[in-house]
Amino acid sequence: MEGKTSQPGTVGGHAAAKREVRRMIRARIGALDVASLEAMSRSICRRVASLARERDFYRIAIFAARPGEVDLLPLLDMLPDREWYFPLVHEGRMLSFHRVCHHGEFVTGCWDIREPGPACPELHPGEMDLIVLPGAAFTRNGKRLGYGGGFYDTLLAGPAAGVPLAGVCFPCQLLDDLPMEAHDRHVDMVITPDAE
């Protein structure tokens, strides 16, 4: 509303601060070339695969990237012995997770994002060994800023409470601090590309 400024520490202040961080991160990602994004995504995939082997994670929830997000689809080919689950968006900001074994099982869903097709079996989120989350920004100590839809907040507050969480992001999405509210969940680890 014009003429009013939100005070830091208020709900309005947090919302405005989050919008500003998202805007800044979009600009940073937009300044990167496609080849760099692809190389960093491959590096992150290698690190997720290594984590899955080290910790013996078998049922892993990942996501199909929107433009400017980490592309995790190579994991299907890198670790075919694992079960990979992708989110399906439902009314009421609800997500369900469905197993995808190969790239041909995807359909185009909400916002032109690839989603599991109708034949892909569902697994309760609480049965996952690891949930890998997208985010607009993260801190090294696990704070996460989502995109504002609240889909993962709803999931993590209920059905997936207690499941280990990993955030994945490009280096330009790592910040020293982020505005957080009571419903915002921390992740257990943040995975970025290998140091070159």
C-alpha atoms as a PDB file:
ATOM      1  CA  MET A   1       0.000   0.000   0.000  1.00  0.00           C
ATOM      2  CA  GLU A   2       1.425   3.373  -0.949  1.00  0.00           C
ATOM      3  CA  GLY A   3       2.478   5.649   1.853  1.00  0.00           C
ATOM      4  CA  LYS A   4       3.041   2.766   4.277  1.00  0.00           C
ATOM      5  CA  THR A   5       6.368   1.101   4.887  1.00  0.00           C
ATOM      6  CA  SER A   6       6.656  -2.225   6.602  1.00  0.00           C
ATOM      7  CA  GLN A   7       8.785  -2.343   9.697  1.00  0.00           C
ATOM      8  CA  PRO A   8      11.473  -5.025   9.972  1.00  0.00           C
ATOM      9  CA  GLY A   9      10.336  -7.827  12.240  1.00  0.00           C
ATOM     10  CA  THR A  10       6.683  -7.512  11.274  1.00  0.00           C
ATOM     11  CA  VAL A  11       4.829  -9.965   9.073  1.00  0.00           C
ATOM     12  CA  GLY A  12       4.647  -7.326   6.336  1.00  0.00           C
ATOM     13  CA  GLY A  13       8.352  -6.610   6.799  1.00  0.00           C
ATOM     14  CA  HIS A  14       9.217 -10.283   6.340  1.00  0.00           C
ATOM     15  CA  ALA A  15       7.053 -10.555   3.217  1.00  0.00           C
ATOM     16  CA  ALA A  16       8.638  -7.463   1.641  1.00  0.00           C
ATOM     17  CA  ALA A  17      12.144  -8.669   2.531  1.00  0.00           C
ATOM     18  CA  LYS A  18      11.429 -12.090   1.007  1.00  0.00           C
ATOM     19  CA  ARG A  19      10.129 -10.509  -2.213  1.00  0.00           C
ATOM     20  CA  GLU A  20      13.271  -8.400  -2.463  1.00  0.00           C
ATOM     21  CA  VAL A  21      15.567 -11.416  -1.967  1.00  0.00           C
ATOM     22  CA  ARG A  22      13.651 -13.391  -4.624  1.00  0.00           C
ATOM     23  CA  ARG A  23      13.961 -10.468  -7.048  1.00  0.00           C
ATOM     24  CA  MET A  24      17.713 -10.187  -6.397  1.00  0.00           C
ATOM     25  CA  ILE A  25      18.259 -13.934  -6.865  1.00  0.00           C
ATOM     26  CA  ARG A  26      16.282 -13.980 -10.142  1.00  0.00           C
ATOM     27  CA  ALA A  27      18.561 -11.216 -11.427  1.00  0.00           C
ATOM     28  CA  ARG A  28      21.689 -13.097 -10.350  1.00  0.00           C
ATOM     29  CA  ILE A  29      20.577 -16.332 -12.031  1.00  0.00           C
ATOM     30  CA  GLY A  30      19.477 -14.438 -15.123  1.00  0.00           C
ATOM     31  CA  ALA A  31      23.036 -13.128 -15.491  1.00  0.00           C
ATOM     32  CA  LEU A  32      24.450 -16.681 -15.781  1.00  0.00           C
ATOM     33  CA  ASP A  33      24.865 -18.421 -19.126  1.00  0.00           C
ATOM     34  CA  VAL A  34      23.184 -21.739 -19.925  1.00  0.00           C
ATOM     35  CA  ALA A  35      26.473 -23.656 -20.106  1.00  0.00           C
ATOM     36  CA  SER A  36      27.428 -22.546 -16.579  1.00  0.00           C
ATOM     37  CA  LEU A  37      24.017 -23.532 -15.187  1.00  0.00           C
ATOM     38  CA  GLU A  38      24.270 -26.949 -16.844  1.00  0.00           C
ATOM     39  CA  ALA A  39      27.800 -27.552 -15.543  1.00  0.00           C
ATOM     40  CA  MET A  40      26.818 -26.554 -12.002  1.00  0.00           C
ATOM     41  CA  SER A  41      23.708 -28.760 -12.170  1.00  0.00           C
ATOM     42  CA  ARG A  42      25.835 -31.761 -13.204  1.00  0.00           C
ATOM     43  CA  SER A  43      28.190 -31.098 -10.301  1.00  0.00           C
ATOM     44  CA  ILE A  44      25.278 -30.918  -7.855  1.00  0.00           C
ATOM     45  CA  CYS A  45      23.905 -34.185  -9.262  1.00  0.00           C
ATOM     46  CA  ARG A  46      27.270 -35.861  -8.606  1.00  0.00           C
ATOM     47  CA  ARG A  47      27.183 -34.608  -5.016  1.00  0.00           C
ATOM     48  CA  VAL A  48      23.592 -35.809  -4.461  1.00  0.00           C
ATOM     49  CA  ALA A  49      24.531 -39.214  -5.909  1.00  0.00           C
ATOM     50  CA  SER A  50      27.548 -39.408  -3.622  1.00  0.00           C
ATOM     51  CA  LEU A  51      25.397 -38.515  -0.608  1.00  0.00           C
ATOM     52  CA  ALA A  52      22.854 -41.202  -1.550  1.00  0.00           C
ATOM     53  CA  ARG A  53      25.615 -43.816  -1.702  1.00  0.00           C
ATOM     54  CA  GLU A  54      27.365 -42.700   1.503  1.00  0.00           C
ATOM     55  CA  ARG A  55      24.201 -42.549   3.606  1.00  0.00           C
ATOM     56  CA  ASP A  56      22.496 -45.461   1.844  1.00  0.00           C
ATOM     57  CA  PHE A  57      19.504 -43.310   0.880  1.00  0.00           C
ATOM     58  CA  TYR A  58      17.301 -45.409  -1.404  1.00  0.00           C
ATOM     59  CA  ARG A  59      13.940 -43.609  -1.748  1.00  0.00           C
ATOM     60  CA  ILE A  60      14.706 -40.025  -2.684  1.00  0.00           C
ATOM     61  CA  ALA A  61      12.343 -37.184  -3.573  1.00  0.00           C
ATOM     62  CA  ILE A  62      13.733 -34.702  -6.092  1.00  0.00           C
ATOM     63  CA  PHE A  63      12.057 -32.275  -8.519  1.00  0.00           C
ATOM     64  CA  ALA A  64      11.936 -31.365 -12.193  1.00  0.00           C
ATOM     65  CA  ALA A  65      13.537 -27.969 -12.600  1.00  0.00           C
ATOM     66  CA  ARG A  66      11.845 -24.797 -13.686  1.00  0.00           C
ATOM     67  CA  PRO A  67      14.013 -22.362 -15.673  1.00  0.00           C
ATOM     68  CA  GLY A  68      16.823 -21.126 -13.431  1.00  0.00           C
ATOM     69  CA  GLU A  69      16.687 -24.105 -11.041  1.00  0.00           C
ATOM     70  CA  VAL A  70      19.145 -26.948 -10.539  1.00  0.00           C
ATOM     71  CA  ASP A  71      18.457 -29.729 -13.078  1.00  0.00           C
ATOM     72  CA  LEU A  72      18.370 -33.033 -11.160  1.00  0.00           C
ATOM     73  CA  LEU A  73      17.022 -35.254 -13.960  1.00  0.00           C
ATOM     74  CA  PRO A  74      20.465 -36.751 -14.713  1.00  0.00           C
ATOM     75  CA  LEU A  75      20.175 -38.583 -11.377  1.00  0.00           C
ATOM     76  CA  LEU A  76      17.717 -41.022 -12.996  1.00  0.00           C
ATOM     77  CA  ASP A  77      20.558 -42.281 -15.204  1.00  0.00           C
ATOM     78  CA  MET A  78      23.397 -41.806 -12.711  1.00  0.00           C
ATOM     79  CA  LEU A  79      21.832 -43.976 -10.000  1.00  0.00           C
ATOM     80  CA  PRO A  80      19.218 -46.223 -11.627  1.00  0.00           C
ATOM     81  CA  ASP A  81      19.294 -48.557  -8.602  1.00  0.00           C
ATOM     82  CA  ARG A  82      17.645 -45.868  -6.447  1.00  0.00           C
ATOM     83  CA  GLU A  83      13.950 -44.953  -6.380  1.00  0.00           C
ATOM     84  CA  TRP A  84      13.419 -41.352  -7.536  1.00  0.00           C
ATOM     85  CA  TYR A  85      10.169 -39.600  -6.626  1.00  0.00           C
ATOM     86  CA  PHE A  86       8.859 -36.376  -8.125  1.00  0.00           C
ATOM     87  CA  PRO A  87       6.168 -34.027  -6.799  1.00  0.00           C
ATOM     88  CA  LEU A  88       2.686 -33.729  -8.212  1.00  0.00           C
ATOM     89  CA  VAL A  89       0.771 -30.553  -7.308  1.00  0.00           C
ATOM     90  CA  HIS A  90      -2.800 -30.822  -5.980  1.00  0.00           C
ATOM     91  CA  GLU A  91      -5.419 -28.319  -4.831  1.00  0.00           C
ATOM     92  CA  GLY A  92      -4.842 -26.778  -1.423  1.00  0.00           C
ATOM     93  CA  ARG A  93      -1.072 -26.470  -1.912  1.00  0.00           C
ATOM     94  CA  MET A  94      -0.649 -30.200  -1.418  1.00  0.00           C
ATOM     95  CA  LEU A  95       2.098 -32.309  -2.962  1.00  0.00           C
ATOM     96  CA  SER A  96       2.187 -36.038  -3.547  1.00  0.00           C
ATOM     97  CA  PHE A  97       5.305 -37.913  -4.682  1.00  0.00           C
ATOM     98  CA  HIS A  98       5.396 -40.480  -7.474  1.00  0.00           C
ATOM     99  CA  ARG A  99       8.172 -42.772  -8.661  1.00  0.00           C
ATOM    100  CA  VAL A 100       9.662 -42.028 -12.065  1.00  0.00           C
ATOM    101  CA  CYS A 101      11.969 -44.663 -13.572  1.00  0.00           C
ATOM    102  CA  HIS A 102      12.704 -43.053 -16.944  1.00  0.00           C
ATOM    103  CA  HIS A 103      12.276 -39.722 -18.692  1.00  0.00           C
ATOM    104  CA  GLY A 104       9.367 -40.939 -20.832  1.00  0.00           C
ATOM    105  CA  GLU A 105       7.096 -41.139 -17.779  1.00  0.00           C
ATOM    106  CA  PHE A 106       6.832 -37.368 -17.379  1.00  0.00           C
ATOM    107  CA  VAL A 107       3.883 -35.270 -18.504  1.00  0.00           C
ATOM    108  CA  THR A 108       3.642 -31.481 -18.679  1.00  0.00           C
ATOM    109  CA  GLY A 109       1.835 -30.200 -15.602  1.00  0.00           C
ATOM    110  CA  CYS A 110       1.223 -26.916 -13.787  1.00  0.00           C
ATOM    111  CA  TRP A 111       3.260 -23.957 -15.004  1.00  0.00           C
ATOM    112  CA  ASP A 112       4.752 -26.174 -17.757  1.00  0.00           C
ATOM    113  CA  ILE A 113       6.728 -28.165 -15.167  1.00  0.00           C
ATOM    114  CA  ARG A 114       7.388 -31.832 -15.843  1.00  0.00           C
ATOM    115  CA  GLU A 115       5.380 -34.041 -13.493  1.00  0.00           C
ATOM    116  CA  PRO A 116       5.013 -37.795 -12.995  1.00  0.00           C
ATOM    117  CA  GLY A 117       2.490 -39.357 -15.367  1.00  0.00           C
ATOM    118  CA  PRO A 118      -0.714 -41.073 -14.168  1.00  0.00           C
ATOM    119  CA  ALA A 119       0.844 -44.556 -14.094  1.00  0.00           C
ATOM    120  CA  CYS A 120       3.663 -43.547 -11.710  1.00  0.00           C
ATOM    121  CA  PRO A 121       3.151 -45.121  -8.261  1.00  0.00           C
ATOM    122  CA  GLU A 122       2.833 -42.872  -5.207  1.00  0.00           C
ATOM    123  CA  LEU A 123       4.839 -43.126  -1.990  1.00  0.00           C
ATOM    124  CA  HIS A 124       3.893 -41.417   1.266  1.00  0.00           C
ATOM    125  CA  PRO A 125       6.391 -38.575   1.880  1.00  0.00           C
ATOM    126  CA  GLY A 126       7.105 -39.866   5.384  1.00  0.00           C
ATOM    127  CA  GLU A 127       8.616 -43.016   3.846  1.00  0.00           C
ATOM    128  CA  MET A 128      11.311 -41.105   1.952  1.00  0.00           C
ATOM    129  CA  ASP A 129      14.942 -41.461   2.971  1.00  0.00           C
ATOM    130  CA  LEU A 130      15.698 -37.938   1.725  1.00  0.00           C
ATOM    131  CA  ILE A 131      13.758 -35.016   0.272  1.00  0.00           C
ATOM    132  CA  VAL A 132      15.740 -32.678  -1.992  1.00  0.00           C
ATOM    133  CA  LEU A 133      14.168 -29.210  -2.088  1.00  0.00           C
ATOM    134  CA  PRO A 134      14.329 -26.336  -4.524  1.00  0.00           C
ATOM    135  CA  GLY A 135      14.494 -22.825  -3.163  1.00  0.00           C
ATOM    136  CA  ALA A 136      15.038 -19.226  -4.160  1.00  0.00           C
ATOM    137  CA  ALA A 137      17.873 -18.879  -1.639  1.00  0.00           C
ATOM    138  CA  PHE A 138      19.611 -20.711   1.202  1.00  0.00           C
ATOM    139  CA  THR A 139      22.162 -20.050   3.921  1.00  0.00           C
ATOM    140  CA  ARG A 140      24.994 -22.464   4.681  1.00  0.00           C
ATOM    141  CA  ASN A 141      23.409 -23.262   8.054  1.00  0.00           C
ATOM    142  CA  GLY A 142      20.169 -24.443   6.429  1.00  0.00           C
ATOM    143  CA  LYS A 143      17.804 -21.493   6.253  1.00  0.00           C
ATOM    144  CA  ARG A 144      15.622 -21.744   3.141  1.00  0.00           C
ATOM    145  CA  LEU A 145      13.597 -19.174   1.236  1.00  0.00           C
ATOM    146  CA  GLY A 146      11.050 -20.803  -1.065  1.00  0.00           C
ATOM    147  CA  TYR A 147       9.231 -19.203  -3.961  1.00  0.00           C
ATOM    148  CA  GLY A 148       6.206 -18.147  -1.931  1.00  0.00           C
ATOM    149  CA  GLY A 149       3.729 -20.867  -2.912  1.00  0.00           C
ATOM    150  CA  GLY A 150       3.941 -22.711   0.400  1.00  0.00           C
ATOM    151  CA  PHE A 151       3.785 -26.184  -1.172  1.00  0.00           C
ATOM    152  CA  TYR A 152       6.840 -27.539   0.631  1.00  0.00           C
ATOM    153  CA  ASP A 153       5.977 -25.723   3.887  1.00  0.00           C
ATOM    154  CA  THR A 154       2.672 -27.625   4.032  1.00  0.00           C
ATOM    155  CA  LEU A 155       4.401 -30.916   3.268  1.00  0.00           C
ATOM    156  CA  LEU A 156       7.241 -30.484   5.756  1.00  0.00           C
ATOM    157  CA  ALA A 157       4.961 -29.381   8.581  1.00  0.00           C
ATOM    158  CA  GLY A 158       2.936 -32.585   8.342  1.00  0.00           C
ATOM    159  CA  PRO A 159       3.386 -35.685   6.188  1.00  0.00           C
ATOM    160  CA  ALA A 160       7.166 -35.408   5.800  1.00  0.00           C
ATOM    161  CA  ALA A 161       8.075 -34.198   9.290  1.00  0.00           C
ATOM    162  CA  GLY A 162      11.283 -35.909  10.378  1.00  0.00           C
ATOM    163  CA  VAL A 163      12.554 -36.849   6.893  1.00  0.00           C
ATOM    164  CA  PRO A 164      16.084 -35.551   6.191  1.00  0.00           C
ATOM    165  CA  LEU A 165      16.053 -32.474   3.948  1.00  0.00           C
ATOM    166  CA  ALA A 166      18.654 -31.256   1.467  1.00  0.00           C
ATOM    167  CA  GLY A 167      18.488 -27.959  -0.364  1.00  0.00           C
ATOM    168  CA  VAL A 168      20.221 -27.603  -3.732  1.00  0.00           C
ATOM    169  CA  CYS A 169      21.286 -24.295  -5.218  1.00  0.00           C
ATOM    170  CA  PHE A 170      23.813 -22.409  -7.301  1.00  0.00           C
ATOM    171  CA  PRO A 171      26.481 -20.379  -5.434  1.00  0.00           C
ATOM    172  CA  CYS A 172      24.724 -17.104  -6.272  1.00  0.00           C
ATOM    173  CA  GLN A 173      21.730 -18.327  -4.246  1.00  0.00           C
ATOM    174  CA  LEU A 174      23.749 -18.703  -1.037  1.00  0.00           C
ATOM    175  CA  LEU A 175      23.334 -15.763   1.325  1.00  0.00           C
ATOM    176  CA  ASP A 176      24.648 -14.995   4.819  1.00  0.00           C
ATOM    177  CA  ASP A 177      21.152 -14.656   6.265  1.00  0.00           C
ATOM    178  CA  LEU A 178      17.499 -14.835   5.217  1.00  0.00           C
ATOM    179  CA  PRO A 179      14.228 -13.470   6.600  1.00  0.00           C
ATOM    180  CA  MET A 180      12.460 -16.370   8.357  1.00  0.00           C
ATOM    181  CA  GLU A 181       8.972 -16.818   9.788  1.00  0.00           C
ATOM    182  CA  ALA A 182       7.628 -19.395  12.235  1.00  0.00           C
ATOM    183  CA  HIS A 183       6.391 -21.754   9.488  1.00  0.00           C
ATOM    184  CA  ASP A 184       9.688 -21.727   7.549  1.00  0.00           C
ATOM    185  CA  ARG A 185      11.643 -24.969   7.851  1.00  0.00           C
ATOM    186  CA  HIS A 186      15.411 -25.292   7.868  1.00  0.00           C
ATOM    187  CA  VAL A 187      17.055 -27.965   5.716  1.00  0.00           C
ATOM    188  CA  ASP A 188      19.603 -30.384   7.171  1.00  0.00           C
ATOM    189  CA  MET A 189      22.154 -29.725   4.444  1.00  0.00           C
ATOM    190  CA  VAL A 190      22.706 -27.399   1.480  1.00  0.00           C
ATOM    191  CA  ILE A 191      24.325 -28.888  -1.640  1.00  0.00           C
ATOM    192  CA  THR A 192      26.117 -26.590  -4.071  1.00  0.00           C
ATOM    193  CA  PRO A 193      28.471 -27.371  -6.980  1.00  0.00           C
ATOM    194  CA  ASP A 194      31.910 -28.798  -6.237  1.00  0.00           C
ATOM    195  CA  ALA A 195      34.523 -26.185  -5.553  1.00  0.00           C
ATOM    196  CA  GLU A 196      36.544 -25.736  -8.720  1.00  0.00           C
END
